């Protein structure tokens, strides 16, 4: 059974991205939500993000300055999270 998993990222960005990458191996639907600030990805994190995008992981952010991510207002983000089977905060 395919599950929908949301990864919420605030502080432990590298760890959250590694977890998201690992979770796709279980054939679940995984999406990443970067919250409340502009994130600067390291070279390794950028490589992981590119790989995750190829594996159909979608990146959302409630901060408009995060490039390459779908902007979602905070109120809408809260509503979207109710659609997930698991929400994992970092």
PDB file of N, CA and C in Angstrom:
ATOM      1  N   UNK A   1       0.836  -1.181   0.000  1.00  0.00           N
ATOM      2  CA  UNK A   1       0.000   0.000   0.000  1.00  0.00           C
ATOM      3  C   UNK A   1       0.887   1.254   0.000  1.00  0.00           C
ATOM      4  N   UNK A   2       0.671   2.117  -0.936  1.00  0.00           N
ATOM      5  CA  UNK A   2       1.443   3.349  -1.036  1.00  0.00           C
ATOM      6  C   UNK A   2       0.938   4.361  -0.018  1.00  0.00           C
ATOM      7  N   UNK A   3       1.882   4.921   0.730  1.00  0.00           N
ATOM      8  CA  UNK A   3       1.543   5.944   1.720  1.00  0.00           C
ATOM      9  C   UNK A   3       2.025   7.299   1.226  1.00  0.00           C
ATOM     10  N   UNK A   4       1.363   8.358   1.703  1.00  0.00           N
ATOM     11  CA  UNK A   4       1.795   9.726   1.417  1.00  0.00           C
ATOM     12  C   UNK A   4       2.536  10.236   2.643  1.00  0.00           C
ATOM     13  N   UNK A   5       3.760  10.699   2.429  1.00  0.00           N
ATOM     14  CA  UNK A   5       4.607  11.148   3.532  1.00  0.00           C
ATOM     15  C   UNK A   5       5.061  12.579   3.256  1.00  0.00           C
ATOM     16  N   UNK A   6       4.890  13.442   4.255  1.00  0.00           N
ATOM     17  CA  UNK A   6       5.362  14.826   4.171  1.00  0.00           C
ATOM     18  C   UNK A   6       6.558  14.986   5.098  1.00  0.00           C
ATOM     19  N   UNK A   7       7.621  15.558   4.571  1.00  0.00           N
ATOM     20  CA  UNK A   7       8.804  15.882   5.372  1.00  0.00           C
ATOM     21  C   UNK A   7       8.793  17.396   5.580  1.00  0.00           C
ATOM     22  N   UNK A   8       8.713  17.835   6.841  1.00  0.00           N
ATOM     23  CA  UNK A   8       8.731  19.263   7.171  1.00  0.00           C
ATOM     24  C   UNK A   8      10.144  19.653   7.574  1.00  0.00           C
ATOM     25  N   UNK A   9      10.702  20.660   6.915  1.00  0.00           N
ATOM     26  CA  UNK A   9      12.097  21.038   7.147  1.00  0.00           C
ATOM     27  C   UNK A   9      12.162  22.449   7.719  1.00  0.00           C
ATOM     28  N   UNK A  10      12.785  22.560   8.881  1.00  0.00           N
ATOM     29  CA  UNK A  10      13.068  23.875   9.455  1.00  0.00           C
ATOM     30  C   UNK A  10      14.553  24.013   9.734  1.00  0.00           C
ATOM     31  N   UNK A  11      15.082  23.164  10.595  1.00  0.00           N
ATOM     32  CA  UNK A  11      16.450  23.346  11.072  1.00  0.00           C
ATOM     33  C   UNK A  11      17.433  22.314  10.523  1.00  0.00           C
ATOM     34  N   UNK A  12      17.071  21.062  10.535  1.00  0.00           N
ATOM     35  CA  UNK A  12      18.011  19.999  10.149  1.00  0.00           C
ATOM     36  C   UNK A  12      17.820  19.641   8.672  1.00  0.00           C
ATOM     37  N   UNK A  13      18.198  20.574   7.844  1.00  0.00           N
ATOM     38  CA  UNK A  13      17.958  20.482   6.415  1.00  0.00           C
ATOM     39  C   UNK A  13      18.620  19.267   5.767  1.00  0.00           C
ATOM     40  N   UNK A  14      19.895  19.043   6.035  1.00  0.00           N
ATOM     41  CA  UNK A  14      20.607  17.919   5.410  1.00  0.00           C
ATOM     42  C   UNK A  14      20.001  16.588   5.815  1.00  0.00           C
ATOM     43  N   UNK A  15      19.719  16.442   7.095  1.00  0.00           N
ATOM     44  CA  UNK A  15      19.137  15.199   7.600  1.00  0.00           C
ATOM     45  C   UNK A  15      17.759  14.954   6.992  1.00  0.00           C
ATOM     46  N   UNK A  16      16.958  16.002   6.870  1.00  0.00           N
ATOM     47  CA  UNK A  16      15.617  15.868   6.300  1.00  0.00           C
ATOM     48  C   UNK A  16      15.675  15.431   4.840  1.00  0.00           C
ATOM     49  N   UNK A  17      16.590  16.005   4.077  1.00  0.00           N
ATOM     50  CA  UNK A  17      16.698  15.631   2.670  1.00  0.00           C
ATOM     51  C   UNK A  17      17.191  14.199   2.509  1.00  0.00           C
ATOM     52  N   UNK A  18      18.117  13.776   3.358  1.00  0.00           N
ATOM     53  CA  UNK A  18      18.571  12.371   3.312  1.00  0.00           C
ATOM     54  C   UNK A  18      17.417  11.424   3.657  1.00  0.00           C
ATOM     55  N   UNK A  19      16.607  11.793   4.640  1.00  0.00           N
ATOM     56  CA  UNK A  19      15.462  10.959   5.021  1.00  0.00           C
ATOM     57  C   UNK A  19      14.470  10.866   3.867  1.00  0.00           C
ATOM     58  N   UNK A  20      14.177  11.982   3.225  1.00  0.00           N
ATOM     59  CA  UNK A  20      13.243  11.979   2.097  1.00  0.00           C
ATOM     60  C   UNK A  20      13.755  11.085   0.977  1.00  0.00           C
ATOM     61  N   UNK A  21      15.040  11.167   0.711  1.00  0.00           N
ATOM     62  CA  UNK A  21      15.640  10.344  -0.333  1.00  0.00           C
ATOM     63  C   UNK A  21      15.522   8.863   0.014  1.00  0.00           C
ATOM     64  N   UNK A  22      15.756   8.515   1.266  1.00  0.00           N
ATOM     65  CA  UNK A  22      15.642   7.125   1.697  1.00  0.00           C
ATOM     66  C   UNK A  22      14.220   6.601   1.646  1.00  0.00           C
ATOM     67  N   UNK A  23      13.250   7.450   1.947  1.00  0.00           N
ATOM     68  CA  UNK A  23      11.855   7.014   1.982  1.00  0.00           C
ATOM     69  C   UNK A  23      11.298   6.665   0.610  1.00  0.00           C
ATOM     70  N   UNK A  24      11.851   7.228  -0.445  1.00  0.00           N
ATOM     71  CA  UNK A  24      11.322   6.899  -1.768  1.00  0.00           C
ATOM     72  C   UNK A  24      11.645   5.459  -2.157  1.00  0.00           C
ATOM     73  N   UNK A  25      12.596   4.852  -1.472  1.00  0.00           N
ATOM     74  CA  UNK A  25      12.933   3.458  -1.767  1.00  0.00           C
ATOM     75  C   UNK A  25      11.799   2.505  -1.403  1.00  0.00           C
ATOM     76  N   UNK A  26      10.911   2.951  -0.520  1.00  0.00           N
ATOM     77  CA  UNK A  26       9.779   2.117  -0.105  1.00  0.00           C
ATOM     78  C   UNK A  26       8.584   2.281  -1.043  1.00  0.00           C
ATOM     79  N   UNK A  27       8.763   3.008  -2.141  1.00  0.00           N
ATOM     80  CA  UNK A  27       7.724   3.229  -3.146  1.00  0.00           C
ATOM     81  C   UNK A  27       6.536   4.007  -2.588  1.00  0.00           C
ATOM     82  N   UNK A  28       6.807   4.909  -1.648  1.00  0.00           N
ATOM     83  CA  UNK A  28       5.780   5.789  -1.106  1.00  0.00           C
ATOM     84  C   UNK A  28       5.842   7.132  -1.822  1.00  0.00           C
ATOM     85  N   UNK A  29       4.797   7.916  -1.683  1.00  0.00           N
ATOM     86  CA  UNK A  29       4.776   9.276  -2.213  1.00  0.00           C
ATOM     87  C   UNK A  29       5.357  10.184  -1.141  1.00  0.00           C
ATOM     88  N   UNK A  30       6.438  10.868  -1.467  1.00  0.00           N
ATOM     89  CA  UNK A  30       7.134  11.719  -0.501  1.00  0.00           C
ATOM     90  C   UNK A  30       7.199  13.136  -1.059  1.00  0.00           C
ATOM     91  N   UNK A  31       6.828  14.116  -0.232  1.00  0.00           N
ATOM     92  CA  UNK A  31       6.965  15.523  -0.588  1.00  0.00           C
ATOM     93  C   UNK A  31       7.682  16.245   0.533  1.00  0.00           C
ATOM     94  N   UNK A  32       8.423  17.282   0.173  1.00  0.00           N
ATOM     95  CA  UNK A  32       9.234  18.030   1.132  1.00  0.00           C
ATOM     96  C   UNK A  32       8.687  19.448   1.248  1.00  0.00           C
ATOM     97  N   UNK A  33       8.495  19.894   2.486  1.00  0.00           N
ATOM     98  CA  UNK A  33       8.004  21.239   2.779  1.00  0.00           C
ATOM     99  C   UNK A  33       9.091  22.003   3.525  1.00  0.00           C
ATOM    100  N   UNK A  34       9.673  23.015   2.877  1.00  0.00           N
ATOM    101  CA  UNK A  34      10.697  23.856   3.502  1.00  0.00           C
ATOM    102  C   UNK A  34       9.988  25.063   4.111  1.00  0.00           C
ATOM    103  N   UNK A  35      10.146  25.244   5.414  1.00  0.00           N
ATOM    104  CA  UNK A  35       9.309  26.190   6.144  1.00  0.00           C
ATOM    105  C   UNK A  35      10.053  27.410   6.670  1.00  0.00           C
ATOM    106  N   UNK A  36       9.421  28.557   6.544  1.00  0.00           N
ATOM    107  CA  UNK A  36       9.683  29.786   7.297  1.00  0.00           C
ATOM    108  C   UNK A  36      10.960  30.544   6.999  1.00  0.00           C
ATOM    109  N   UNK A  37      11.817  30.071   6.113  1.00  0.00           N
ATOM    110  CA  UNK A  37      13.027  30.839   5.819  1.00  0.00           C
ATOM    111  C   UNK A  37      13.571  30.441   4.456  1.00  0.00           C
ATOM    112  N   UNK A  38      14.492  31.249   3.965  1.00  0.00           N
ATOM    113  CA  UNK A  38      15.163  30.930   2.706  1.00  0.00           C
ATOM    114  C   UNK A  38      16.243  29.898   2.994  1.00  0.00           C
ATOM    115  N   UNK A  39      16.235  28.836   2.231  1.00  0.00           N
ATOM    116  CA  UNK A  39      17.211  27.773   2.414  1.00  0.00           C
ATOM    117  C   UNK A  39      18.288  27.879   1.345  1.00  0.00           C
ATOM    118  N   UNK A  40      19.526  27.791   1.781  1.00  0.00           N
ATOM    119  CA  UNK A  40      20.664  27.744   0.872  1.00  0.00           C
ATOM    120  C   UNK A  40      21.193  26.319   0.885  1.00  0.00           C
ATOM    121  N   UNK A  41      21.072  25.650  -0.242  1.00  0.00           N
ATOM    122  CA  UNK A  41      21.475  24.254  -0.324  1.00  0.00           C
ATOM    123  C   UNK A  41      22.963  24.147  -0.619  1.00  0.00           C
ATOM    124  N   UNK A  42      23.636  23.244   0.085  1.00  0.00           N
ATOM    125  CA  UNK A  42      25.034  22.955  -0.216  1.00  0.00           C
ATOM    126  C   UNK A  42      25.089  22.193  -1.541  1.00  0.00           C
ATOM    127  N   UNK A  43      26.285  21.953  -2.037  1.00  0.00           N
ATOM    128  CA  UNK A  43      26.429  21.228  -3.300  1.00  0.00           C
ATOM    129  C   UNK A  43      25.847  19.819  -3.188  1.00  0.00           C
ATOM    130  N   UNK A  44      26.124  19.129  -2.088  1.00  0.00           N
ATOM    131  CA  UNK A  44      25.596  17.774  -1.886  1.00  0.00           C
ATOM    132  C   UNK A  44      24.077  17.802  -1.778  1.00  0.00           C
ATOM    133  N   UNK A  45      23.534  18.794  -1.073  1.00  0.00           N
ATOM    134  CA  UNK A  45      22.078  18.898  -0.937  1.00  0.00           C
ATOM    135  C   UNK A  45      21.427  19.220  -2.278  1.00  0.00           C
ATOM    136  N   UNK A  46      22.082  20.035  -3.089  1.00  0.00           N
ATOM    137  CA  UNK A  46      21.559  20.347  -4.423  1.00  0.00           C
ATOM    138  C   UNK A  46      21.524  19.096  -5.294  1.00  0.00           C
ATOM    139  N   UNK A  47      22.566  18.273  -5.196  1.00  0.00           N
ATOM    140  CA  UNK A  47      22.589  17.011  -5.940  1.00  0.00           C
ATOM    141  C   UNK A  47      21.455  16.102  -5.480  1.00  0.00           C
ATOM    142  N   UNK A  48      21.255  16.012  -4.161  1.00  0.00           N
ATOM    143  CA  UNK A  48      20.160  15.197  -3.626  1.00  0.00           C
ATOM    144  C   UNK A  48      18.811  15.729  -4.094  1.00  0.00           C
ATOM    145  N   UNK A  49      18.643  17.047  -4.096  1.00  0.00           N
ATOM    146  CA  UNK A  49      17.382  17.656  -4.527  1.00  0.00           C
ATOM    147  C   UNK A  49      17.107  17.326  -5.988  1.00  0.00           C
ATOM    148  N   UNK A  50      18.122  17.419  -6.834  1.00  0.00           N
ATOM    149  CA  UNK A  50      17.947  17.085  -8.251  1.00  0.00           C
ATOM    150  C   UNK A  50      17.522  15.631  -8.420  1.00  0.00           C
ATOM    151  N   UNK A  51      18.160  14.736  -7.683  1.00  0.00           N
ATOM    152  CA  UNK A  51      17.801  13.323  -7.747  1.00  0.00           C
ATOM    153  C   UNK A  51      16.369  13.108  -7.272  1.00  0.00           C
ATOM    154  N   UNK A  52      15.993  13.773  -6.185  1.00  0.00           N
ATOM    155  CA  UNK A  52      14.638  13.623  -5.659  1.00  0.00           C
ATOM    156  C   UNK A  52      13.599  14.151  -6.641  1.00  0.00           C
ATOM    157  N   UNK A  53      13.903  15.244  -7.325  1.00  0.00           N
ATOM    158  CA  UNK A  53      12.973  15.772  -8.321  1.00  0.00           C
ATOM    159  C   UNK A  53      12.802  14.788  -9.473  1.00  0.00           C
ATOM    160  N   UNK A  54      13.878  14.102  -9.856  1.00  0.00           N
ATOM    161  CA  UNK A  54      13.782  13.073 -10.894  1.00  0.00           C
ATOM    162  C   UNK A  54      12.908  11.907 -10.435  1.00  0.00           C
ATOM    163  N   UNK A  55      12.855  11.692  -9.119  1.00  0.00           N
ATOM    164  CA  UNK A  55      12.050  10.607  -8.548  1.00  0.00           C
ATOM    165  C   UNK A  55      10.651  11.097  -8.162  1.00  0.00           C
ATOM    166  N   UNK A  56      10.250  12.255  -8.680  1.00  0.00           N
ATOM    167  CA  UNK A  56       8.907  12.830  -8.500  1.00  0.00           C
ATOM    168  C   UNK A  56       8.606  13.333  -7.093  1.00  0.00           C
ATOM    169  N   UNK A  57       9.625  13.646  -6.313  1.00  0.00           N
ATOM    170  CA  UNK A  57       9.391  14.325  -5.041  1.00  0.00           C
ATOM    171  C   UNK A  57       9.170  15.797  -5.361  1.00  0.00           C
ATOM    172  N   UNK A  58       8.103  16.360  -4.806  1.00  0.00           N
ATOM    173  CA  UNK A  58       7.782  17.765  -5.036  1.00  0.00           C
ATOM    174  C   UNK A  58       8.218  18.568  -3.818  1.00  0.00           C
ATOM    175  N   UNK A  59       8.812  19.726  -4.067  1.00  0.00           N
ATOM    176  CA  UNK A  59       9.258  20.616  -3.000  1.00  0.00           C
ATOM    177  C   UNK A  59       8.303  21.797  -2.899  1.00  0.00           C
ATOM    178  N   UNK A  60       7.850  22.063  -1.678  1.00  0.00           N
ATOM    179  CA  UNK A  60       6.971  23.186  -1.390  1.00  0.00           C
ATOM    180  C   UNK A  60       7.663  24.088  -0.377  1.00  0.00           C
ATOM    181  N   UNK A  61       7.295  25.370  -0.376  1.00  0.00           N
ATOM    182  CA  UNK A  61       7.830  26.288   0.624  1.00  0.00           C
ATOM    183  C   UNK A  61       6.809  27.382   0.902  1.00  0.00           C
ATOM    184  N   UNK A  62       6.755  27.819   2.155  1.00  0.00           N
ATOM    185  CA  UNK A  62       5.902  28.952   2.499  1.00  0.00           C
ATOM    186  C   UNK A  62       6.711  30.250   2.509  1.00  0.00           C
ATOM    187  N   UNK A  63       7.907  30.192   1.971  1.00  0.00           N
ATOM    188  CA  UNK A  63       8.779  31.376   1.859  1.00  0.00           C
ATOM    189  C   UNK A  63       9.031  31.610   0.373  1.00  0.00           C
ATOM    190  N   UNK A  64       8.592  32.746  -0.132  1.00  0.00           N
ATOM    191  CA  UNK A  64       8.611  33.001  -1.575  1.00  0.00           C
ATOM    192  C   UNK A  64      10.006  33.061  -2.184  1.00  0.00           C
ATOM    193  N   UNK A  65      11.037  33.288  -1.379  1.00  0.00           N
ATOM    194  CA  UNK A  65      12.391  33.413  -1.920  1.00  0.00           C
ATOM    195  C   UNK A  65      13.054  32.072  -2.221  1.00  0.00           C
ATOM    196  N   UNK A  66      12.457  30.969  -1.838  1.00  0.00           N
ATOM    197  CA  UNK A  66      13.032  29.656  -2.131  1.00  0.00           C
ATOM    198  C   UNK A  66      12.775  29.319  -3.597  1.00  0.00           C
ATOM    199  N   UNK A  67      13.831  29.355  -4.380  1.00  0.00           N
ATOM    200  CA  UNK A  67      13.724  29.135  -5.822  1.00  0.00           C
ATOM    201  C   UNK A  67      13.572  27.653  -6.141  1.00  0.00           C
ATOM    202  N   UNK A  68      12.832  27.378  -7.197  1.00  0.00           N
ATOM    203  CA  UNK A  68      12.667  26.009  -7.646  1.00  0.00           C
ATOM    204  C   UNK A  68      11.719  25.190  -6.792  1.00  0.00           C
ATOM    205  N   UNK A  69      10.926  25.873  -5.972  1.00  0.00           N
ATOM    206  CA  UNK A  69       9.967  25.194  -5.104  1.00  0.00           C
ATOM    207  C   UNK A  69       8.603  25.837  -5.283  1.00  0.00           C
ATOM    208  N   UNK A  70       7.574  25.037  -5.183  1.00  0.00           N
ATOM    209  CA  UNK A  70       6.222  25.566  -5.316  1.00  0.00           C
ATOM    210  C   UNK A  70       5.854  26.333  -4.051  1.00  0.00           C
ATOM    211  N   UNK A  71       5.442  27.598  -4.214  1.00  0.00           N
ATOM    212  CA  UNK A  71       5.052  28.409  -3.060  1.00  0.00           C
ATOM    213  C   UNK A  71       3.672  27.977  -2.578  1.00  0.00           C
ATOM    214  N   UNK A  72       3.552  27.810  -1.258  1.00  0.00           N
ATOM    215  CA  UNK A  72       2.280  27.473  -0.623  1.00  0.00           C
ATOM    216  C   UNK A  72       2.136  28.367   0.599  1.00  0.00           C
ATOM    217  N   UNK A  73       1.049  29.123   0.674  1.00  0.00           N
ATOM    218  CA  UNK A  73       0.803  29.964   1.847  1.00  0.00           C
ATOM    219  C   UNK A  73       0.664  29.073   3.082  1.00  0.00           C
ATOM    220  N   UNK A  74       1.006  29.615   4.228  1.00  0.00           N
ATOM    221  CA  UNK A  74       1.006  28.832   5.468  1.00  0.00           C
ATOM    222  C   UNK A  74      -0.360  28.216   5.755  1.00  0.00           C
ATOM    223  N   UNK A  75      -1.436  28.963   5.545  1.00  0.00           N
ATOM    224  CA  UNK A  75      -2.781  28.420   5.786  1.00  0.00           C
ATOM    225  C   UNK A  75      -3.083  27.245   4.858  1.00  0.00           C
ATOM    226  N   UNK A  76      -2.705  27.380   3.596  1.00  0.00           N
ATOM    227  CA  UNK A  76      -2.923  26.308   2.631  1.00  0.00           C
ATOM    228  C   UNK A  76      -2.043  25.106   2.954  1.00  0.00           C
ATOM    229  N   UNK A  77      -0.843  25.376   3.431  1.00  0.00           N
ATOM    230  CA  UNK A  77       0.080  24.308   3.806  1.00  0.00           C
ATOM    231  C   UNK A  77      -0.531  23.438   4.911  1.00  0.00           C
ATOM    232  N   UNK A  78      -1.117  24.071   5.910  1.00  0.00           N
ATOM    233  CA  UNK A  78      -1.754  23.324   7.002  1.00  0.00           C
ATOM    234  C   UNK A  78      -2.870  22.433   6.465  1.00  0.00           C
ATOM    235  N   UNK A  79      -3.632  22.940   5.516  1.00  0.00           N
ATOM    236  CA  UNK A  79      -4.710  22.141   4.921  1.00  0.00           C
ATOM    237  C   UNK A  79      -4.143  20.961   4.126  1.00  0.00           C
ATOM    238  N   UNK A  80      -3.078  21.198   3.379  1.00  0.00           N
ATOM    239  CA  UNK A  80      -2.471  20.125   2.579  1.00  0.00           C
ATOM    240  C   UNK A  80      -1.939  18.984   3.446  1.00  0.00           C
ATOM    241  N   UNK A  81      -1.402  19.325   4.604  1.00  0.00           N
ATOM    242  CA  UNK A  81      -0.810  18.290   5.459  1.00  0.00           C
ATOM    243  C   UNK A  81      -1.839  17.275   5.941  1.00  0.00           C
ATOM    244  N   UNK A  82      -3.103  17.647   5.968  1.00  0.00           N
ATOM    245  CA  UNK A  82      -4.142  16.696   6.390  1.00  0.00           C
ATOM    246  C   UNK A  82      -4.320  15.567   5.380  1.00  0.00           C
ATOM    247  N   UNK A  83      -3.797  15.737   4.173  1.00  0.00           N
ATOM    248  CA  UNK A  83      -3.916  14.720   3.127  1.00  0.00           C
ATOM    249  C   UNK A  83      -2.859  13.624   3.234  1.00  0.00           C
ATOM    250  N   UNK A  84      -1.894  13.789   4.133  1.00  0.00           N
ATOM    251  CA  UNK A  84      -0.775  12.852   4.246  1.00  0.00           C
ATOM    252  C   UNK A  84      -1.021  11.815   5.338  1.00  0.00           C
ATOM    253  N   UNK A  85      -0.510  10.606   5.106  1.00  0.00           N
ATOM    254  CA  UNK A  85      -0.593   9.543   6.107  1.00  0.00           C
ATOM    255  C   UNK A  85       0.397   9.771   7.242  1.00  0.00           C
ATOM    256  N   UNK A  86       1.565  10.315   6.911  1.00  0.00           N
ATOM    257  CA  UNK A  86       2.616  10.563   7.905  1.00  0.00           C
ATOM    258  C   UNK A  86       3.222  11.940   7.648  1.00  0.00           C
ATOM    259  N   UNK A  87       3.480  12.662   8.732  1.00  0.00           N
ATOM    260  CA  UNK A  87       4.152  13.958   8.663  1.00  0.00           C
ATOM    261  C   UNK A  87       5.364  13.871   9.582  1.00  0.00           C
ATOM    262  N   UNK A  88       6.552  14.057   9.001  1.00  0.00           N
ATOM    263  CA  UNK A  88       7.795  13.906   9.758  1.00  0.00           C
ATOM    264  C   UNK A  88       8.484  15.267   9.845  1.00  0.00           C
ATOM    265  N   UNK A  89       8.576  15.841  11.054  1.00  0.00           N
ATOM    266  CA  UNK A  89       9.219  17.154  11.203  1.00  0.00           C
ATOM    267  C   UNK A  89      10.724  17.042  11.440  1.00  0.00           C
ATOM    268  N   UNK A  90      11.474  17.988  10.875  1.00  0.00           N
ATOM    269  CA  UNK A  90      12.913  18.106  11.119  1.00  0.00           C
ATOM    270  C   UNK A  90      13.211  19.532  11.476  1.00  0.00           C
TER     271      UNK A  90
END
